[in-house]
């Protein structure tokens, strides 16, 4: 299904099961199947790709030769590269590169490069960061630029009692209790 002024025309699109709605949505589309692009300029300059969902103004508009990405929000995953990423929020994963990342929040993983990251919150790794295998939660109004192979939480309340976090490497479990 193709609907909207200046959409890609079926004359140059090879593929099936695509839904394209919005002005300039998937305008440069050449080949791909099982894609959904909804919004003005969603996936506009993507020439080929499969199983992608781009919803919002210029969501995924410049991703190239990728598959399995989900970008929801204006400019989400706008100019990055990679496969099987999820970007939700305005400018999340805007120009990021990497595979298997999850970014939720305004400018989350904005220009980061790396694989297997989970970033939740405002301005997480918003500068050009090279991170992989990290989990980052940012509920503050300031940016947080993490390193690889780490777990970050901002902010954390100060405890009134002596408690500690413990990590069990055999089960990968984080627990808490009174400190010794």
Protein backbone atom coordinates (compact mmCIF):
# COMPACT_ATOMS: atom_id res chain seq x y z
CA UNK A 1 0.00 0.00 0.00
CA UNK A 2 1.36 3.40 -0.94
CA UNK A 3 -0.48 6.57 0.02
CA UNK A 4 0.59 10.22 0.03
CA UNK A 5 2.01 12.86 -2.29
CA UNK A 6 5.53 12.22 -3.61
CA UNK A 7 5.73 8.66 -2.25
CA UNK A 8 7.87 6.04 -3.86
CA UNK A 9 6.05 4.77 -6.90
CA UNK A 10 5.36 1.12 -7.50
CA UNK A 11 7.24 1.48 -10.78
CA UNK A 12 10.64 1.35 -9.08
CA UNK A 13 9.86 -0.60 -5.90
CA UNK A 14 10.65 -4.30 -5.78
CA UNK A 15 9.29 -6.17 -2.81
CA UNK A 16 6.05 -7.02 -1.10
CA UNK A 17 3.97 -6.45 2.00
CA UNK A 18 5.04 -2.81 2.45
CA UNK A 19 2.87 -0.06 3.94
CA UNK A 20 3.96 3.49 3.15
CA UNK A 21 1.85 6.47 4.27
CA UNK A 22 2.93 10.12 4.23
CA UNK A 23 4.46 12.75 2.00
CA UNK A 24 7.92 11.69 0.83
CA UNK A 25 7.77 8.47 2.86
CA UNK A 26 10.19 5.91 1.39
CA UNK A 27 10.65 8.14 -1.63
CA UNK A 28 13.92 6.47 -2.70
CA UNK A 29 12.71 2.95 -2.00
CA UNK A 30 14.07 0.39 -4.48
CA UNK A 31 13.68 -2.98 -2.77
CA UNK A 32 12.40 -4.35 0.47
CA UNK A 33 9.63 -6.37 2.02
CA UNK A 34 7.53 -6.26 5.17
CA UNK A 35 8.27 -2.57 5.87
CA UNK A 36 5.96 -0.01 7.48
CA UNK A 37 6.77 3.67 7.03
CA UNK A 38 4.27 6.18 8.34
CA UNK A 39 4.85 9.92 8.50
CA UNK A 40 6.25 12.73 6.42
CA UNK A 41 9.65 11.64 5.04
CA UNK A 42 9.67 8.43 7.11
CA UNK A 43 12.36 6.25 5.53
CA UNK A 44 12.66 8.83 2.76
CA UNK A 45 16.19 8.06 1.53
CA UNK A 46 16.28 4.37 2.41
CA UNK A 47 16.89 2.53 -0.84
CA UNK A 48 16.50 -1.00 0.50
CA UNK A 49 15.69 -2.81 3.71
CA UNK A 50 13.41 -5.43 5.18
CA UNK A 51 11.15 -5.78 8.21
CA UNK A 52 11.49 -2.17 9.35
CA UNK A 53 9.00 0.09 11.11
CA UNK A 54 9.49 3.86 10.88
CA UNK A 55 6.80 6.06 12.40
CA UNK A 56 7.17 9.84 12.64
CA UNK A 57 8.59 12.77 10.75
CA UNK A 58 11.91 11.71 9.18
CA UNK A 59 12.04 8.56 11.31
CA UNK A 60 14.68 6.30 9.77
CA UNK A 61 14.90 8.65 6.80
CA UNK A 62 18.56 7.98 6.01
CA UNK A 63 19.22 4.42 7.22
CA UNK A 64 20.83 2.35 4.49
CA UNK A 65 20.89 -1.38 3.77
CA UNK A 66 19.53 -2.33 7.16
CA UNK A 67 16.86 -4.65 8.46
CA UNK A 68 14.75 -5.27 11.51
CA UNK A 69 14.86 -1.70 12.89
CA UNK A 70 12.06 0.11 14.70
CA UNK A 71 12.15 3.92 14.89
CA UNK A 72 9.28 5.82 16.47
CA UNK A 73 9.42 9.60 16.89
CA UNK A 74 10.55 12.55 14.84
CA UNK A 75 14.11 12.06 13.59
CA UNK A 76 14.43 8.72 15.43
CA UNK A 77 17.23 6.63 13.86
CA UNK A 78 17.48 9.35 11.24
CA UNK A 79 20.99 8.95 9.87
CA UNK A 80 22.53 5.96 11.58
CA UNK A 81 23.43 2.47 10.51
CA UNK A 82 22.75 -0.94 11.97
CA UNK A 83 20.30 -3.79 12.29
CA UNK A 84 17.68 -4.88 14.79
CA UNK A 85 17.71 -1.63 16.77
CA UNK A 86 14.78 -0.04 18.59
CA UNK A 87 14.73 3.77 18.82
CA UNK A 88 11.75 5.41 20.54
CA UNK A 89 11.70 9.15 21.17
CA UNK A 90 12.60 12.35 19.39
CA UNK A 91 16.12 12.07 17.94
CA UNK A 92 16.82 8.76 19.70
CA UNK A 93 19.66 6.98 17.89
CA UNK A 94 19.72 9.98 15.51
CA UNK A 95 23.09 9.17 13.93
CA UNK A 96 24.03 6.09 15.96
CA UNK A 97 25.65 3.02 14.49
CA UNK A 98 25.56 -0.52 15.77
CA UNK A 99 23.34 -3.55 16.13
CA UNK A 100 20.91 -4.85 18.75
CA UNK A 101 20.49 -1.57 20.67
CA UNK A 102 17.44 -0.27 22.51
CA UNK A 103 17.16 3.49 23.02
CA UNK A 104 14.11 5.06 24.65
CA UNK A 105 14.02 8.78 25.35
CA UNK A 106 14.84 12.12 23.77
CA UNK A 107 18.35 11.99 22.22
CA UNK A 108 19.05 8.61 23.80
CA UNK A 109 22.10 7.02 22.09
CA UNK A 110 22.04 10.08 19.81
CA UNK A 111 25.43 9.60 18.12
CA UNK A 112 26.71 6.51 19.90
CA UNK A 113 28.39 3.60 18.19
CA UNK A 114 28.39 0.07 19.52
CA UNK A 115 26.28 -3.01 19.99
CA UNK A 116 24.02 -4.57 22.63
CA UNK A 117 23.15 -1.44 24.63
CA UNK A 118 20.01 -0.53 26.54
CA UNK A 119 19.57 3.19 27.12
CA UNK A 120 16.54 4.62 28.86
CA UNK A 121 16.13 8.31 29.56
CA UNK A 122 17.06 11.79 28.42
CA UNK A 123 20.41 12.42 26.68
CA UNK A 124 21.91 9.00 27.36
CA UNK A 125 25.17 8.78 25.39
CA UNK A 126 24.09 11.84 23.43
CA UNK A 127 27.63 12.79 22.46
CA UNK A 128 29.67 10.63 20.14
CA UNK A 129 30.27 7.69 22.47
CA UNK A 130 31.72 4.30 21.62
CA UNK A 131 29.94 1.93 23.99
CA UNK A 132 28.91 -1.72 23.88
CA UNK A 133 27.22 -4.10 26.30
CA UNK A 134 25.99 -1.36 28.66
CA UNK A 135 22.72 -0.66 30.43
CA UNK A 136 21.99 2.98 31.26
CA UNK A 137 19.01 4.52 33.07
CA UNK A 138 18.96 8.32 33.24
CA UNK A 139 16.06 10.00 35.03
CA UNK A 140 17.86 13.32 35.49
CA UNK A 141 17.86 16.49 33.40
CA UNK A 142 21.56 16.18 32.58
CA UNK A 143 23.29 14.01 30.00
CA UNK A 144 25.01 10.77 30.89
CA UNK A 145 27.84 9.40 28.71
CA UNK A 146 28.69 5.83 29.75
CA UNK A 147 31.56 3.46 29.02
CA UNK A 148 31.36 -0.09 27.71
CA UNK A 149 30.46 -3.15 29.79
CA UNK A 150 28.84 -1.11 32.56
CA UNK A 151 25.53 -0.57 34.35
CA UNK A 152 24.54 3.03 35.15
CA UNK A 153 21.64 4.54 37.07
CA UNK A 154 21.18 8.28 37.58
CA UNK A 155 20.02 9.56 40.04
CA UNK A 156 20.17 7.30 43.08
CA UNK A 157 18.74 8.48 46.37
CA UNK A 158 20.98 8.58 49.41
CA UNK A 159 20.09 5.88 51.91
CA UNK A 160 19.48 6.66 55.54
CA UNK A 161 20.66 3.19 56.54
CA UNK A 162 23.76 1.27 55.65
CA UNK A 163 22.62 -0.80 52.69
CA UNK A 164 24.69 -2.26 49.90
CA UNK A 165 24.17 -3.71 46.44
CA UNK A 166 25.57 -7.15 45.77
CA UNK A 167 26.24 -8.92 42.49
CA UNK A 168 26.19 -12.66 42.05
CA UNK A 169 28.20 -13.51 38.89
CA UNK A 170 26.92 -17.10 38.65
CA UNK A 171 23.26 -15.96 38.33
CA UNK A 172 23.85 -12.38 37.10
CA UNK A 173 21.58 -11.19 39.90
CA UNK A 174 21.77 -7.84 41.71
CA UNK A 175 20.44 -7.87 45.28
CA UNK A 176 20.62 -5.53 48.24
CA UNK A 177 20.96 -5.93 51.95
CA UNK A 178 22.60 -4.50 55.03
CA UNK A 179 26.26 -3.81 54.53
CA UNK A 180 28.71 -5.80 56.64
